[in-house]
Amino acid sequence: MTMIEKMARAMFEDDPAYKDSAGNQRHTWDDWPCNDLEPRRHWWLQKATVALAAMREPTDTMRAEMVQAYAASIVAVTKRPEDGVVNSRDTDAAWRAGIDAALAEAKTPDAP
């Protein structure tokens, strides 16, 4: 599954229009085929594409958290000589730190 599809599914599942009054999912992503006759998936995939493109340039807060996470991974490499290099789990930690920072920014009261 691509990141765009993961985002589209998450946005779809969070939309109240697809939930009943108790908050339970009335429809799943798989209820809607991806074809020209049923445009729902296309719509969500387009929204997710735009959202992901907007994340291409990190904010200053994201950048700071990513640098900090990456620096911590470099220190960890010196403690894991068997690795010898920064590997994918280290870059994954930096990626998550940046995303977590962006999500935290969204929770601040003065966020746009």
Protein backbone atom coordinates (compact mmCIF):
# COMPACT_ATOMS: atom_id res chain seq x y z
CA MET A 1 0.00 0.00 0.00
CA THR A 2 1.38 3.39 -0.94
CA MET A 3 1.61 6.31 1.50
CA ILE A 4 -1.05 8.13 -0.55
CA GLU A 5 -3.45 5.20 -0.19
CA LYS A 6 -2.70 4.93 3.55
CA MET A 7 -3.50 8.63 3.92
CA ALA A 8 -6.65 8.40 1.78
CA ARG A 9 -7.94 5.43 3.79
CA ALA A 10 -7.24 7.19 7.09
CA MET A 11 -8.98 10.38 5.92
CA PHE A 12 -11.95 8.35 4.65
CA GLU A 13 -12.23 6.39 7.90
CA ASP A 14 -12.13 9.60 9.93
CA ASP A 15 -14.91 11.29 7.93
CA PRO A 16 -18.15 11.42 9.96
CA ALA A 17 -20.21 11.05 6.75
CA TYR A 18 -19.21 7.38 6.64
CA LYS A 19 -20.07 6.66 10.27
CA ASP A 20 -23.34 6.03 12.04
CA SER A 21 -24.60 8.11 14.97
CA ALA A 22 -22.61 5.94 17.40
CA GLY A 23 -19.40 6.62 15.48
CA ASN A 24 -19.15 3.15 13.94
CA GLN A 25 -17.99 2.80 10.35
CA ARG A 26 -21.01 2.44 8.02
CA HIS A 27 -18.85 1.98 4.95
CA THR A 28 -15.32 0.74 4.45
CA TRP A 29 -12.78 1.82 1.88
CA ASP A 30 -13.33 -1.47 0.09
CA ASP A 31 -17.07 -0.73 -0.32
CA TRP A 32 -16.19 1.72 -3.09
CA PRO A 33 -14.51 0.43 -6.25
CA CYS A 34 -11.77 2.49 -7.80
CA ASN A 35 -13.21 3.15 -11.24
CA ASP A 36 -14.62 5.98 -13.34
CA LEU A 37 -18.22 5.15 -12.40
CA GLU A 38 -17.61 5.53 -8.67
CA PRO A 39 -15.38 8.56 -8.03
CA ARG A 40 -15.17 8.38 -4.21
CA ARG A 41 -11.79 6.67 -4.05
CA HIS A 42 -10.40 9.02 -6.68
CA TRP A 43 -11.60 11.98 -4.60
CA TRP A 44 -9.95 10.70 -1.42
CA LEU A 45 -6.76 9.73 -3.26
CA GLN A 46 -6.57 13.25 -4.73
CA LYS A 47 -7.02 14.83 -1.28
CA ALA A 48 -4.31 12.55 0.14
CA THR A 49 -1.97 13.43 -2.75
CA VAL A 50 -2.40 17.14 -2.02
CA ALA A 51 -1.86 16.57 1.71
CA LEU A 52 1.30 14.55 1.12
CA ALA A 53 2.65 17.12 -1.32
CA ALA A 54 2.12 19.82 1.31
CA MET A 55 4.35 17.82 3.67
CA ARG A 56 7.22 17.82 1.20
CA GLU A 57 8.84 20.82 2.88
CA PRO A 58 9.12 20.36 6.65
CA THR A 59 8.35 23.13 9.10
CA ASP A 60 11.12 24.44 11.33
CA THR A 61 9.69 22.41 14.22
CA MET A 62 9.64 19.23 12.15
CA ARG A 63 13.17 19.84 10.94
CA ALA A 64 14.44 20.37 14.50
CA GLU A 65 12.82 17.15 15.75
CA MET A 66 14.11 15.18 12.77
CA VAL A 67 17.65 16.44 13.27
CA GLN A 68 17.46 15.58 16.96
CA ALA A 69 16.17 12.06 16.23
CA TYR A 70 18.79 11.52 13.54
CA ALA A 71 21.57 12.80 15.81
CA ALA A 72 20.43 10.37 18.50
CA SER A 73 20.62 7.55 15.97
CA ILE A 74 24.20 8.51 15.05
CA VAL A 75 25.12 8.33 18.74
CA ALA A 76 23.41 4.93 18.88
CA VAL A 77 25.53 3.71 15.95
CA THR A 78 28.66 4.31 17.99
CA LYS A 79 27.08 2.05 20.62
CA ARG A 80 26.19 -0.55 17.94
CA PRO A 81 29.48 -1.10 16.17
CA GLU A 82 28.03 -4.16 14.48
CA ASP A 83 25.89 -1.82 12.35
CA GLY A 84 28.66 0.57 11.45
CA VAL A 85 26.33 2.91 9.57
CA VAL A 86 23.06 4.71 10.08
CA ASN A 87 20.41 2.36 8.74
CA SER A 88 16.74 2.42 7.84
CA ARG A 89 15.50 2.14 11.42
CA ASP A 90 17.42 5.33 12.16
CA THR A 91 15.90 7.25 9.25
CA ASP A 92 12.49 5.83 10.21
CA ALA A 93 12.90 7.35 13.68
CA ALA A 94 13.75 10.73 12.15
CA TRP A 95 10.73 10.51 9.81
CA ARG A 96 8.39 9.67 12.72
CA ALA A 97 9.84 12.50 14.80
CA GLY A 98 9.11 14.97 12.00
CA ILE A 99 5.55 13.71 11.54
CA ASP A 100 4.98 13.73 15.32
CA ALA A 101 6.18 17.35 15.40
CA ALA A 102 3.75 18.27 12.62
CA LEU A 103 0.89 16.58 14.46
CA ALA A 104 1.86 18.39 17.67
CA GLU A 105 1.86 21.72 15.81
CA ALA A 106 -1.70 21.02 14.67
CA LYS A 107 -2.78 20.69 18.31
CA THR A 108 -1.48 24.11 19.37
CA PRO A 109 -4.21 26.72 19.91
CA ASP A 110 -2.81 29.28 17.47
CA ALA A 111 -2.24 26.84 14.59
CA PRO A 112 -3.92 27.93 11.36
